[in-house]
Amino acid sequence: MSEFSEKITAARKKRGLSQETAAELLCVSRQAIAKWENGKSYPSTENLLAVSRLYGISVDELCPPSISKQKSKNKIRSAGLLSVISAAIAFSTVAAAMLTDKVGFETALLCFIIAIPMQLFVHLFFRSCIENEDFSGIAGFDDKIEYDISAVKSYLSGLDFFLGFVCVSYTGMIALSGLFGKAYAMITFFAAFILSYITSILFWSAKFSRKLYIHEEDYLRAKRCSVSSYIFVAFILASVAEIIVVFNLRGIENNSRQAIAAVCVAIPAWAAAIGGLLSEQHRISKGGSEIFGKAFIFCFAAAVLLFAALPFAVLL
C-alpha cells in the first residue's frame, strides 16, 4: 500500500465508517473505495475534495506534496505567461498610438487597463495569496468560516488562468479593432470583455462553491448570494445590448466624442453594479435575512438610471 492508501484507510476507520457507508456518502461504488485503499487507483480531484470533507482531513495531509501543489504551480506559471503576452500587446498598442495615427489613444488606454491592473495585478495578487496562504484580501472571504485550503488554492489558480485567457483574448481584439478602425467595435469589445470577465468569476465560483466550504451551512449561505449574482449578470447583458443598439442607431465611430461620452456613463454604472453585488454578498455572509439589502437596491437603482441616460449622453 502507498502512503496515500494508508492515510485514506486510517482516516475512514477513524471516522467509524465502513467501505459501503463511505461509498454511499461519497456517491461512488464500494469497489472504487477499495481500489483507492489498495493503491490500485487514485480519486479524481472532485472525489479527493469530497473525501477530505467526509473524513475531516485536509487534502494537503492526504496527498503527497508533489501531487497537490504541482497542479497549482503549473496553472500559476501559465497565468503568468498569459499576463506577459497581454502586457506585450498593451504596450505595443500604446507605442503604436504614440508613433502613428492608426491607433487612437482610447484604444491604447483600454488595452493598458485590461492588461495591467485587471490582469497583471490580479495575477500577482492571487499568486501571493496562494504562496502565503493568506486569503483575507479576497472578496467574500471570511476568517470565521472554515474553508478547505487546498480547494481555495485550486480555485484561485484556476480562476487566475481563466481570467488571463479572457484578458489576452480581448486585449488582442480591442487592439485589432483600433488598428483597423472599425466603427463602434472597440467599445463593443470592451463591453463584451466586462461581461466575460464577471461571468468567468461567477462561473468559476459556482463550479467550486461546494468544494470550498467544510460545513454545509456555509455552503447554503453562499448559494443565497447567487441570486444577486444572476441579477448582476442580467443587468450587464442588458447594458451591453443597449450600448450596441445605441452605437448602431447613432452610427457612432471609434474614438469619437460620443463614444467617449458613452464610456463615461457606462464605467460608473458598471462600478455601481459591482459595488451593489459585493455589498449584497457581504451582507448575506454576515447573516442578513432580508431579500435584498438597502445598499444593493441603491447601487442598482443608480446603475439603471445611468444607463437610462446613456442614449441622451451621446447626443450632448
C-alpha atoms as a PDB file:
ATOM      1  CA  MET A   1       0.000   0.000   0.000  1.00  0.00           C
ATOM      2  CA  SER A   2       1.120   3.543  -0.740  1.00  0.00           C
ATOM      3  CA  GLU A   3       1.310   6.337   1.821  1.00  0.00           C
ATOM      4  CA  PHE A   4      -1.881   7.819   0.406  1.00  0.00           C
ATOM      5  CA  SER A   5      -3.715   4.471   0.649  1.00  0.00           C
ATOM      6  CA  GLU A   6      -2.680   4.061   4.274  1.00  0.00           C
ATOM      7  CA  LYS A   7      -3.811   7.588   5.161  1.00  0.00           C
ATOM      8  CA  ILE A   8      -7.184   7.288   3.464  1.00  0.00           C
ATOM      9  CA  THR A   9      -7.851   3.905   5.098  1.00  0.00           C
ATOM     10  CA  ALA A  10      -6.861   5.157   8.544  1.00  0.00           C
ATOM     11  CA  ALA A  11      -8.993   8.293   8.133  1.00  0.00           C
ATOM     12  CA  ARG A  12     -12.061   6.222   7.191  1.00  0.00           C
ATOM     13  CA  LYS A  13     -11.648   3.870  10.136  1.00  0.00           C
ATOM     14  CA  LYS A  14     -11.080   6.797  12.498  1.00  0.00           C
ATOM     15  CA  ARG A  15     -14.477   8.171  11.429  1.00  0.00           C
ATOM     16  CA  GLY A  16     -16.020   4.769  12.124  1.00  0.00           C
ATOM     17  CA  LEU A  17     -17.199   4.233   8.539  1.00  0.00           C
ATOM     18  CA  SER A  18     -17.336   1.003   6.572  1.00  0.00           C
ATOM     19  CA  GLN A  19     -16.338   0.984   2.906  1.00  0.00           C
ATOM     20  CA  GLU A  20     -20.007   0.586   1.964  1.00  0.00           C
ATOM     21  CA  THR A  21     -21.107   3.588   4.047  1.00  0.00           C
ATOM     22  CA  ALA A  22     -18.243   5.745   2.813  1.00  0.00           C
ATOM     23  CA  ALA A  23     -19.066   4.821  -0.795  1.00  0.00           C
ATOM     24  CA  GLU A  24     -22.726   5.766  -0.291  1.00  0.00           C
ATOM     25  CA  LEU A  25     -21.848   9.142   1.273  1.00  0.00           C
ATOM     26  CA  LEU A  26     -19.318   9.891  -1.476  1.00  0.00           C
ATOM     27  CA  CYS A  27     -21.695   8.718  -4.258  1.00  0.00           C
ATOM     28  CA  VAL A  28     -19.163   6.222  -5.619  1.00  0.00           C
ATOM     29  CA  SER A  29     -19.034   2.420  -5.706  1.00  0.00           C
ATOM     30  CA  ARG A  30     -17.585   0.313  -2.899  1.00  0.00           C
ATOM     31  CA  GLN A  31     -15.119  -1.059  -5.446  1.00  0.00           C
ATOM     32  CA  ALA A  32     -13.797   2.473  -6.000  1.00  0.00           C
ATOM     33  CA  ILE A  33     -13.171   2.877  -2.259  1.00  0.00           C
ATOM     34  CA  ALA A  34     -11.416  -0.494  -2.182  1.00  0.00           C
ATOM     35  CA  LYS A  35      -9.179   0.429  -5.131  1.00  0.00           C
ATOM     36  CA  TRP A  36      -8.185   3.732  -3.512  1.00  0.00           C
ATOM     37  CA  GLU A  37      -7.312   1.964  -0.284  1.00  0.00           C
ATOM     38  CA  ASN A  38      -5.409  -0.814  -2.071  1.00  0.00           C
ATOM     39  CA  GLY A  39      -3.399   1.647  -4.126  1.00  0.00           C
ATOM     40  CA  LYS A  40      -4.830   0.399  -7.418  1.00  0.00           C
ATOM     41  CA  SER A  41      -6.346   3.750  -8.414  1.00  0.00           C
ATOM     42  CA  TYR A  42      -6.409   7.354  -7.329  1.00  0.00           C
ATOM     43  CA  PRO A  43      -9.549   9.537  -6.807  1.00  0.00           C
ATOM     44  CA  SER A  44     -10.291  12.437  -9.103  1.00  0.00           C
ATOM     45  CA  THR A  45      -9.833  15.962  -7.784  1.00  0.00           C
ATOM     46  CA  GLU A  46     -13.571  16.252  -7.083  1.00  0.00           C
ATOM     47  CA  ASN A  47     -13.667  12.934  -5.238  1.00  0.00           C
ATOM     48  CA  LEU A  48     -10.495  13.790  -3.340  1.00  0.00           C
ATOM     49  CA  LEU A  49     -12.077  17.006  -2.063  1.00  0.00           C
ATOM     50  CA  ALA A  50     -15.213  15.058  -1.082  1.00  0.00           C
ATOM     51  CA  VAL A  51     -13.088  12.515   0.802  1.00  0.00           C
ATOM     52  CA  SER A  52     -11.296  15.366   2.562  1.00  0.00           C
ATOM     53  CA  ARG A  53     -14.591  16.848   3.774  1.00  0.00           C
ATOM     54  CA  LEU A  54     -16.110  13.500   4.782  1.00  0.00           C
ATOM     55  CA  TYR A  55     -13.061  12.229   6.695  1.00  0.00           C
ATOM     56  CA  GLY A  56     -12.187  15.612   8.206  1.00  0.00           C
ATOM     57  CA  ILE A  57      -8.622  15.618   6.922  1.00  0.00           C
ATOM     58  CA  SER A  58      -7.083  18.224   4.607  1.00  0.00           C
ATOM     59  CA  VAL A  59      -6.112  17.412   1.026  1.00  0.00           C
ATOM     60  CA  ASP A  60      -2.547  18.522   1.736  1.00  0.00           C
ATOM     61  CA  GLU A  61      -2.374  15.967   4.544  1.00  0.00           C
ATOM     62  CA  LEU A  62      -3.812  13.224   2.343  1.00  0.00           C
ATOM     63  CA  CYS A  63      -1.815  13.903  -0.814  1.00  0.00           C
ATOM     64  CA  PRO A  64       1.903  13.839  -1.444  1.00  0.00           C
ATOM     65  CA  PRO A  65       3.012  17.480  -1.836  1.00  0.00           C
ATOM     66  CA  SER A  66       4.252  16.847  -5.359  1.00  0.00           C
ATOM     67  CA  ILE A  67       0.719  15.936  -6.453  1.00  0.00           C
ATOM     68  CA  SER A  68      -1.350  18.558  -4.628  1.00  0.00           C
ATOM     69  CA  LYS A  69       0.948  21.528  -5.286  1.00  0.00           C
ATOM     70  CA  GLN A  70       2.282  20.878  -8.779  1.00  0.00           C
ATOM     71  CA  LYS A  71      -1.097  21.443 -10.481  1.00  0.00           C
ATOM     72  CA  SER A  72      -1.497  24.847  -8.840  1.00  0.00           C
ATOM     73  CA  LYS A  73       2.081  25.794  -9.735  1.00  0.00           C
ATOM     74  CA  ASN A  74       1.557  24.861 -13.373  1.00  0.00           C
ATOM     75  CA  LYS A  75      -1.614  26.967 -13.574  1.00  0.00           C
ATOM     76  CA  ILE A  76       0.121  29.924 -11.912  1.00  0.00           C
ATOM     77  CA  ARG A  77       3.023  29.716 -14.384  1.00  0.00           C
ATOM     78  CA  SER A  78       0.582  29.558 -17.308  1.00  0.00           C
ATOM     79  CA  ALA A  79      -1.341  32.547 -15.945  1.00  0.00           C
ATOM     80  CA  GLY A  80       1.935  34.435 -15.604  1.00  0.00           C
ATOM     81  CA  LEU A  81       2.780  33.712 -19.242  1.00  0.00           C
ATOM     82  CA  LEU A  82      -0.647  34.984 -20.313  1.00  0.00           C
ATOM     83  CA  SER A  83      -0.032  38.173 -18.311  1.00  0.00           C
ATOM     84  CA  VAL A  84       3.250  38.728 -20.161  1.00  0.00           C
ATOM     85  CA  ILE A  85       1.550  38.236 -23.546  1.00  0.00           C
ATOM     86  CA  SER A  86      -1.284  40.599 -22.658  1.00  0.00           C
ATOM     87  CA  ALA A  87       1.133  43.250 -21.360  1.00  0.00           C
ATOM     88  CA  ALA A  88       3.195  42.981 -24.558  1.00  0.00           C
ATOM     89  CA  ILE A  89       0.059  43.571 -26.664  1.00  0.00           C
ATOM     90  CA  ALA A  90      -0.919  46.536 -24.490  1.00  0.00           C
ATOM     91  CA  PHE A  91       2.488  48.221 -24.644  1.00  0.00           C
ATOM     92  CA  SER A  92       2.684  47.614 -28.389  1.00  0.00           C
ATOM     93  CA  THR A  93      -0.695  49.315 -28.758  1.00  0.00           C
ATOM     94  CA  VAL A  94       0.460  52.252 -26.617  1.00  0.00           C
ATOM     95  CA  ALA A  95       3.608  52.577 -28.764  1.00  0.00           C
ATOM     96  CA  ALA A  96       1.539  52.442 -31.957  1.00  0.00           C
ATOM     97  CA  ALA A  97      -0.749  55.176 -30.615  1.00  0.00           C
ATOM     98  CA  MET A  98       2.233  57.387 -29.805  1.00  0.00           C
ATOM     99  CA  LEU A  99       4.198  56.825 -33.001  1.00  0.00           C
ATOM    100  CA  THR A 100       1.451  56.559 -35.626  1.00  0.00           C
ATOM    101  CA  ASP A 101      -2.020  57.906 -36.249  1.00  0.00           C
ATOM    102  CA  LYS A 102      -3.501  54.468 -36.938  1.00  0.00           C
ATOM    103  CA  VAL A 103      -4.344  53.677 -33.311  1.00  0.00           C
ATOM    104  CA  GLY A 104      -6.256  56.079 -31.087  1.00  0.00           C
ATOM    105  CA  PHE A 105      -5.336  56.963 -27.521  1.00  0.00           C
ATOM    106  CA  GLU A 106      -8.605  55.455 -26.220  1.00  0.00           C
ATOM    107  CA  THR A 107      -7.765  52.065 -27.739  1.00  0.00           C
ATOM    108  CA  ALA A 108      -4.320  52.104 -26.131  1.00  0.00           C
ATOM    109  CA  LEU A 109      -5.810  53.110 -22.769  1.00  0.00           C
ATOM    110  CA  LEU A 110      -8.350  50.290 -22.785  1.00  0.00           C
ATOM    111  CA  CYS A 111      -5.674  47.713 -23.668  1.00  0.00           C
ATOM    112  CA  PHE A 112      -3.460  49.041 -20.877  1.00  0.00           C
ATOM    113  CA  ILE A 113      -6.299  48.907 -18.317  1.00  0.00           C
ATOM    114  CA  ILE A 114      -7.132  45.294 -19.212  1.00  0.00           C
ATOM    115  CA  ALA A 115      -3.532  44.053 -19.361  1.00  0.00           C
ATOM    116  CA  ILE A 116      -2.017  45.776 -16.322  1.00  0.00           C
ATOM    117  CA  PRO A 117      -4.461  46.450 -13.437  1.00  0.00           C
ATOM    118  CA  MET A 118      -7.089  43.876 -14.435  1.00  0.00           C
ATOM    119  CA  GLN A 119      -4.754  41.027 -15.353  1.00  0.00           C
ATOM    120  CA  LEU A 120      -1.194  41.511 -14.159  1.00  0.00           C
ATOM    121  CA  PHE A 121      -2.117  42.948 -10.754  1.00  0.00           C
ATOM    122  CA  VAL A 122      -4.804  40.309 -10.209  1.00  0.00           C
ATOM    123  CA  HIS A 123      -2.340  37.561 -11.178  1.00  0.00           C
ATOM    124  CA  LEU A 124       0.317  38.853  -8.771  1.00  0.00           C
ATOM    125  CA  PHE A 125      -2.260  39.204  -6.001  1.00  0.00           C
ATOM    126  CA  PHE A 126      -3.622  35.665  -6.484  1.00  0.00           C
ATOM    127  CA  ARG A 127      -0.100  34.238  -6.607  1.00  0.00           C
ATOM    128  CA  SER A 128       0.768  35.995  -3.352  1.00  0.00           C
ATOM    129  CA  CYS A 129      -2.398  34.680  -1.682  1.00  0.00           C
ATOM    130  CA  ILE A 130      -1.655  31.114  -2.758  1.00  0.00           C
ATOM    131  CA  GLU A 131       2.007  31.167  -1.762  1.00  0.00           C
ATOM    132  CA  ASN A 132       1.386  32.809   1.630  1.00  0.00           C
ATOM    133  CA  GLU A 133      -1.955  31.056   2.288  1.00  0.00           C
ATOM    134  CA  ASP A 134      -3.383  34.450   3.208  1.00  0.00           C
ATOM    135  CA  PHE A 135      -6.815  34.936   1.651  1.00  0.00           C
ATOM    136  CA  SER A 136      -8.031  37.847   3.787  1.00  0.00           C
ATOM    137  CA  GLY A 137      -7.908  40.225   0.803  1.00  0.00           C
ATOM    138  CA  ILE A 138     -10.212  38.064  -1.340  1.00  0.00           C
ATOM    139  CA  ALA A 139     -13.727  39.494  -1.685  1.00  0.00           C
ATOM    140  CA  GLY A 140     -16.183  37.372   0.279  1.00  0.00           C
ATOM    141  CA  PHE A 141     -13.518  35.573   2.331  1.00  0.00           C
ATOM    142  CA  ASP A 142     -14.482  35.344   5.999  1.00  0.00           C
ATOM    143  CA  ASP A 143     -11.882  34.202   8.520  1.00  0.00           C
ATOM    144  CA  LYS A 144     -14.696  32.914  10.743  1.00  0.00           C
ATOM    145  CA  ILE A 145     -15.656  30.311   8.135  1.00  0.00           C
ATOM    146  CA  GLU A 146     -13.770  27.034   7.846  1.00  0.00           C
ATOM    147  CA  TYR A 147     -12.551  26.548   4.266  1.00  0.00           C
ATOM    148  CA  ASP A 148     -10.766  23.690   2.544  1.00  0.00           C
ATOM    149  CA  ILE A 149      -7.456  25.474   1.943  1.00  0.00           C
ATOM    150  CA  SER A 150      -6.408  23.127  -0.863  1.00  0.00           C
ATOM    151  CA  ALA A 151      -9.702  23.765  -2.656  1.00  0.00           C
ATOM    152  CA  VAL A 152      -9.244  27.523  -2.209  1.00  0.00           C
ATOM    153  CA  LYS A 153      -5.784  27.292  -3.793  1.00  0.00           C
ATOM    154  CA  SER A 154      -7.143  25.271  -6.709  1.00  0.00           C
ATOM    155  CA  TYR A 155      -9.976  27.769  -7.103  1.00  0.00           C
ATOM    156  CA  LEU A 156      -7.650  30.791  -7.221  1.00  0.00           C
ATOM    157  CA  SER A 157      -5.065  29.209  -9.530  1.00  0.00           C
ATOM    158  CA  GLY A 158      -7.789  28.036 -11.939  1.00  0.00           C
ATOM    159  CA  LEU A 159      -9.557  31.412 -11.854  1.00  0.00           C
ATOM    160  CA  ASP A 160      -6.235  33.176 -12.433  1.00  0.00           C
ATOM    161  CA  PHE A 161      -5.631  31.191 -15.619  1.00  0.00           C
ATOM    162  CA  PHE A 162      -9.263  31.542 -16.766  1.00  0.00           C
ATOM    163  CA  LEU A 163      -9.249  35.330 -16.345  1.00  0.00           C
ATOM    164  CA  GLY A 164      -5.846  35.533 -18.005  1.00  0.00           C
ATOM    165  CA  PHE A 165      -7.204  33.820 -21.097  1.00  0.00           C
ATOM    166  CA  VAL A 166     -10.171  36.240 -21.195  1.00  0.00           C
ATOM    167  CA  CYS A 167      -7.873  39.269 -20.828  1.00  0.00           C
ATOM    168  CA  VAL A 168      -5.463  38.159 -23.562  1.00  0.00           C
ATOM    169  CA  SER A 169      -8.337  37.470 -25.970  1.00  0.00           C
ATOM    170  CA  TYR A 170      -9.998  40.834 -25.507  1.00  0.00           C
ATOM    171  CA  THR A 171      -6.767  42.828 -25.375  1.00  0.00           C
ATOM    172  CA  GLY A 172      -5.942  41.400 -28.790  1.00  0.00           C
ATOM    173  CA  MET A 173      -9.415  42.071 -30.204  1.00  0.00           C
ATOM    174  CA  ILE A 174      -9.514  45.662 -28.942  1.00  0.00           C
ATOM    175  CA  ALA A 175      -6.016  46.302 -30.293  1.00  0.00           C
ATOM    176  CA  LEU A 176      -7.026  44.967 -33.722  1.00  0.00           C
ATOM    177  CA  SER A 177     -10.288  46.947 -33.728  1.00  0.00           C
ATOM    178  CA  GLY A 178      -8.288  50.122 -33.080  1.00  0.00           C
ATOM    179  CA  LEU A 179      -5.716  49.256 -35.732  1.00  0.00           C
ATOM    180  CA  PHE A 180      -8.287  48.680 -38.457  1.00  0.00           C
ATOM    181  CA  GLY A 181     -10.571  51.488 -37.301  1.00  0.00           C
ATOM    182  CA  LYS A 182     -13.825  49.525 -37.246  1.00  0.00           C
ATOM    183  CA  ALA A 183     -16.815  51.635 -36.210  1.00  0.00           C
ATOM    184  CA  TYR A 184     -18.037  51.038 -32.622  1.00  0.00           C
ATOM    185  CA  ALA A 185     -16.017  47.785 -32.499  1.00  0.00           C
ATOM    186  CA  MET A 186     -13.728  48.932 -29.686  1.00  0.00           C
ATOM    187  CA  ILE A 187     -16.476  49.904 -27.248  1.00  0.00           C
ATOM    188  CA  THR A 188     -18.438  46.761 -28.140  1.00  0.00           C
ATOM    189  CA  PHE A 189     -15.415  44.572 -27.413  1.00  0.00           C
ATOM    190  CA  PHE A 190     -14.779  46.394 -24.129  1.00  0.00           C
ATOM    191  CA  ALA A 191     -18.408  45.939 -23.055  1.00  0.00           C
ATOM    192  CA  ALA A 192     -18.208  42.251 -24.001  1.00  0.00           C
ATOM    193  CA  PHE A 193     -14.933  41.989 -22.052  1.00  0.00           C
ATOM    194  CA  ILE A 194     -16.548  43.331 -18.860  1.00  0.00           C
ATOM    195  CA  LEU A 195     -19.372  40.827 -19.277  1.00  0.00           C
ATOM    196  CA  SER A 196     -16.973  37.918 -19.954  1.00  0.00           C
ATOM    197  CA  TYR A 197     -14.733  38.877 -17.019  1.00  0.00           C
ATOM    198  CA  ILE A 198     -17.550  38.984 -14.494  1.00  0.00           C
ATOM    199  CA  THR A 199     -19.264  35.892 -15.927  1.00  0.00           C
ATOM    200  CA  SER A 200     -15.975  33.975 -15.675  1.00  0.00           C
ATOM    201  CA  ILE A 201     -15.701  34.830 -11.986  1.00  0.00           C
ATOM    202  CA  LEU A 202     -19.301  33.803 -11.329  1.00  0.00           C
ATOM    203  CA  PHE A 203     -18.919  30.575 -13.328  1.00  0.00           C
ATOM    204  CA  TRP A 204     -15.715  29.600 -11.538  1.00  0.00           C
ATOM    205  CA  SER A 205     -17.243  30.455  -8.147  1.00  0.00           C
ATOM    206  CA  ALA A 206     -20.300  28.309  -8.892  1.00  0.00           C
ATOM    207  CA  LYS A 207     -18.087  25.437 -10.021  1.00  0.00           C
ATOM    208  CA  PHE A 208     -16.023  25.476  -6.831  1.00  0.00           C
ATOM    209  CA  SER A 209     -18.594  26.670  -4.285  1.00  0.00           C
ATOM    210  CA  ARG A 210     -19.418  23.202  -2.932  1.00  0.00           C
ATOM    211  CA  LYS A 211     -15.752  22.308  -2.650  1.00  0.00           C
ATOM    212  CA  LEU A 212     -14.623  25.413  -0.790  1.00  0.00           C
ATOM    213  CA  TYR A 213     -16.687  25.012   2.372  1.00  0.00           C
ATOM    214  CA  ILE A 214     -16.205  22.415   5.069  1.00  0.00           C
ATOM    215  CA  HIS A 215     -19.634  22.937   6.650  1.00  0.00           C
ATOM    216  CA  GLU A 216     -22.969  22.616   4.863  1.00  0.00           C
ATOM    217  CA  GLU A 217     -24.483  25.783   6.380  1.00  0.00           C
ATOM    218  CA  ASP A 218     -21.665  27.882   4.928  1.00  0.00           C
ATOM    219  CA  TYR A 219     -22.297  26.404   1.503  1.00  0.00           C
ATOM    220  CA  LEU A 220     -26.040  27.125   1.734  1.00  0.00           C
ATOM    221  CA  ARG A 221     -25.332  30.715   2.740  1.00  0.00           C
ATOM    222  CA  ALA A 222     -23.075  31.072  -0.290  1.00  0.00           C
ATOM    223  CA  LYS A 223     -25.891  29.768  -2.518  1.00  0.00           C
ATOM    224  CA  ARG A 224     -28.085  32.639  -1.349  1.00  0.00           C
ATOM    225  CA  CYS A 225     -25.526  35.024  -2.809  1.00  0.00           C
ATOM    226  CA  SER A 226     -26.165  33.557  -6.256  1.00  0.00           C
ATOM    227  CA  VAL A 227     -29.489  35.432  -6.588  1.00  0.00           C
ATOM    228  CA  SER A 228     -27.766  38.827  -6.600  1.00  0.00           C
ATOM    229  CA  SER A 229     -25.146  37.408  -8.975  1.00  0.00           C
ATOM    230  CA  TYR A 230     -27.811  36.430 -11.516  1.00  0.00           C
ATOM    231  CA  ILE A 231     -29.380  39.888 -11.289  1.00  0.00           C
ATOM    232  CA  PHE A 232     -25.967  41.405 -11.861  1.00  0.00           C
ATOM    233  CA  VAL A 233     -25.316  39.289 -14.959  1.00  0.00           C
ATOM    234  CA  ALA A 234     -28.771  40.168 -16.326  1.00  0.00           C
ATOM    235  CA  PHE A 235     -28.012  43.866 -15.857  1.00  0.00           C
ATOM    236  CA  ILE A 236     -24.650  43.562 -17.617  1.00  0.00           C
ATOM    237  CA  LEU A 237     -26.256  41.719 -20.538  1.00  0.00           C
ATOM    238  CA  ALA A 238     -28.931  44.398 -20.859  1.00  0.00           C
ATOM    239  CA  SER A 239     -26.383  47.223 -20.669  1.00  0.00           C
ATOM    240  CA  VAL A 240     -24.143  45.657 -23.329  1.00  0.00           C
ATOM    241  CA  ALA A 241     -27.162  45.195 -25.600  1.00  0.00           C
ATOM    242  CA  GLU A 242     -28.124  48.847 -25.081  1.00  0.00           C
ATOM    243  CA  ILE A 243     -24.624  50.045 -25.981  1.00  0.00           C
ATOM    244  CA  ILE A 244     -24.610  48.029 -29.200  1.00  0.00           C
ATOM    245  CA  VAL A 245     -28.085  49.266 -30.204  1.00  0.00           C
ATOM    246  CA  VAL A 246     -27.279  52.921 -29.455  1.00  0.00           C
ATOM    247  CA  PHE A 247     -23.983  52.792 -31.346  1.00  0.00           C
ATOM    248  CA  ASN A 248     -25.664  51.179 -34.340  1.00  0.00           C
ATOM    249  CA  LEU A 249     -28.621  53.553 -34.443  1.00  0.00           C
ATOM    250  CA  ARG A 250     -26.497  56.661 -34.000  1.00  0.00           C
ATOM    251  CA  GLY A 251     -23.678  55.499 -36.261  1.00  0.00           C
ATOM    252  CA  ILE A 252     -21.114  56.270 -33.555  1.00  0.00           C
ATOM    253  CA  GLU A 253     -17.497  55.772 -34.603  1.00  0.00           C
ATOM    254  CA  ASN A 254     -14.469  54.609 -32.639  1.00  0.00           C
ATOM    255  CA  ASN A 255     -12.638  57.289 -30.635  1.00  0.00           C
ATOM    256  CA  SER A 256     -15.404  59.845 -31.270  1.00  0.00           C
ATOM    257  CA  ARG A 257     -16.739  62.278 -28.687  1.00  0.00           C
ATOM    258  CA  GLN A 258     -19.967  60.248 -28.492  1.00  0.00           C
ATOM    259  CA  ALA A 259     -18.038  57.031 -27.824  1.00  0.00           C
ATOM    260  CA  ILE A 260     -16.085  58.677 -25.005  1.00  0.00           C
ATOM    261  CA  ALA A 261     -19.339  60.038 -23.535  1.00  0.00           C
ATOM    262  CA  ALA A 262     -20.807  56.528 -23.578  1.00  0.00           C
ATOM    263  CA  VAL A 263     -17.735  55.156 -21.780  1.00  0.00           C
ATOM    264  CA  CYS A 264     -18.010  57.922 -19.160  1.00  0.00           C
ATOM    265  CA  VAL A 265     -21.592  56.798 -18.442  1.00  0.00           C
ATOM    266  CA  ALA A 266     -21.003  53.045 -18.690  1.00  0.00           C
ATOM    267  CA  ILE A 267     -17.992  52.738 -16.383  1.00  0.00           C
ATOM    268  CA  PRO A 268     -19.667  54.417 -13.334  1.00  0.00           C
ATOM    269  CA  ALA A 269     -22.815  52.357 -13.976  1.00  0.00           C
ATOM    270  CA  TRP A 270     -20.870  49.092 -14.039  1.00  0.00           C
ATOM    271  CA  ALA A 271     -18.904  50.203 -10.972  1.00  0.00           C
ATOM    272  CA  ALA A 272     -22.183  50.854  -9.115  1.00  0.00           C
ATOM    273  CA  ALA A 273     -23.496  47.409 -10.107  1.00  0.00           C
ATOM    274  CA  ILE A 274     -20.292  45.725  -8.930  1.00  0.00           C
ATOM    275  CA  GLY A 275     -20.484  47.671  -5.657  1.00  0.00           C
ATOM    276  CA  GLY A 276     -24.080  46.539  -5.180  1.00  0.00           C
ATOM    277  CA  LEU A 277     -23.163  42.916  -5.860  1.00  0.00           C
ATOM    278  CA  LEU A 278     -20.244  42.939  -3.408  1.00  0.00           C
ATOM    279  CA  SER A 279     -22.265  44.707  -0.690  1.00  0.00           C
ATOM    280  CA  GLU A 280     -25.100  42.189  -1.018  1.00  0.00           C
ATOM    281  CA  GLN A 281     -22.790  39.204  -0.827  1.00  0.00           C
ATOM    282  CA  HIS A 282     -21.034  40.719   2.194  1.00  0.00           C
ATOM    283  CA  ARG A 283     -24.414  41.308   3.886  1.00  0.00           C
ATOM    284  CA  ILE A 284     -25.518  37.706   3.338  1.00  0.00           C
ATOM    285  CA  SER A 285     -22.175  36.352   4.575  1.00  0.00           C
ATOM    286  CA  LYS A 286     -22.767  38.255   7.817  1.00  0.00           C
ATOM    287  CA  GLY A 287     -26.184  36.640   8.280  1.00  0.00           C
ATOM    288  CA  GLY A 288     -28.515  39.222   6.719  1.00  0.00           C
ATOM    289  CA  SER A 289     -32.032  37.823   6.354  1.00  0.00           C
ATOM    290  CA  GLU A 290     -33.732  40.417   4.115  1.00  0.00           C
ATOM    291  CA  ILE A 291     -34.380  39.543   0.482  1.00  0.00           C
ATOM    292  CA  PHE A 292     -32.183  42.436  -0.686  1.00  0.00           C
ATOM    293  CA  GLY A 293     -30.138  44.932   1.287  1.00  0.00           C
ATOM    294  CA  LYS A 294     -30.544  48.715   1.028  1.00  0.00           C
ATOM    295  CA  ALA A 295     -27.053  49.138  -0.464  1.00  0.00           C
ATOM    296  CA  PHE A 296     -27.828  46.613  -3.191  1.00  0.00           C
ATOM    297  CA  ILE A 297     -31.102  48.370  -4.107  1.00  0.00           C
ATOM    298  CA  PHE A 298     -29.481  51.823  -4.096  1.00  0.00           C
ATOM    299  CA  CYS A 299     -26.481  50.783  -6.223  1.00  0.00           C
ATOM    300  CA  PHE A 300     -28.572  49.018  -8.833  1.00  0.00           C
ATOM    301  CA  ALA A 301     -31.054  51.884  -8.989  1.00  0.00           C
ATOM    302  CA  ALA A 302     -28.138  54.234  -9.676  1.00  0.00           C
ATOM    303  CA  ALA A 303     -26.741  51.862 -12.331  1.00  0.00           C
ATOM    304  CA  VAL A 304     -30.106  51.577 -14.098  1.00  0.00           C
ATOM    305  CA  LEU A 305     -30.615  55.357 -14.082  1.00  0.00           C
ATOM    306  CA  LEU A 306     -27.145  55.925 -15.548  1.00  0.00           C
ATOM    307  CA  PHE A 307     -27.786  53.530 -18.406  1.00  0.00           C
ATOM    308  CA  ALA A 308     -31.204  55.066 -18.975  1.00  0.00           C
ATOM    309  CA  ALA A 309     -29.362  58.349 -19.548  1.00  0.00           C
ATOM    310  CA  LEU A 310     -26.818  56.877 -21.970  1.00  0.00           C
ATOM    311  CA  PRO A 311     -28.815  57.500 -25.199  1.00  0.00           C
ATOM    312  CA  PHE A 312     -29.132  61.172 -24.208  1.00  0.00           C
ATOM    313  CA  ALA A 313     -25.469  61.492 -23.134  1.00  0.00           C
ATOM    314  CA  VAL A 314     -24.223  60.607 -26.636  1.00  0.00           C
ATOM    315  CA  LEU A 315     -26.323  63.446 -28.096  1.00  0.00           C
ATOM    316  CA  LEU A 316     -24.766  66.192 -25.950  1.00  0.00           C
END
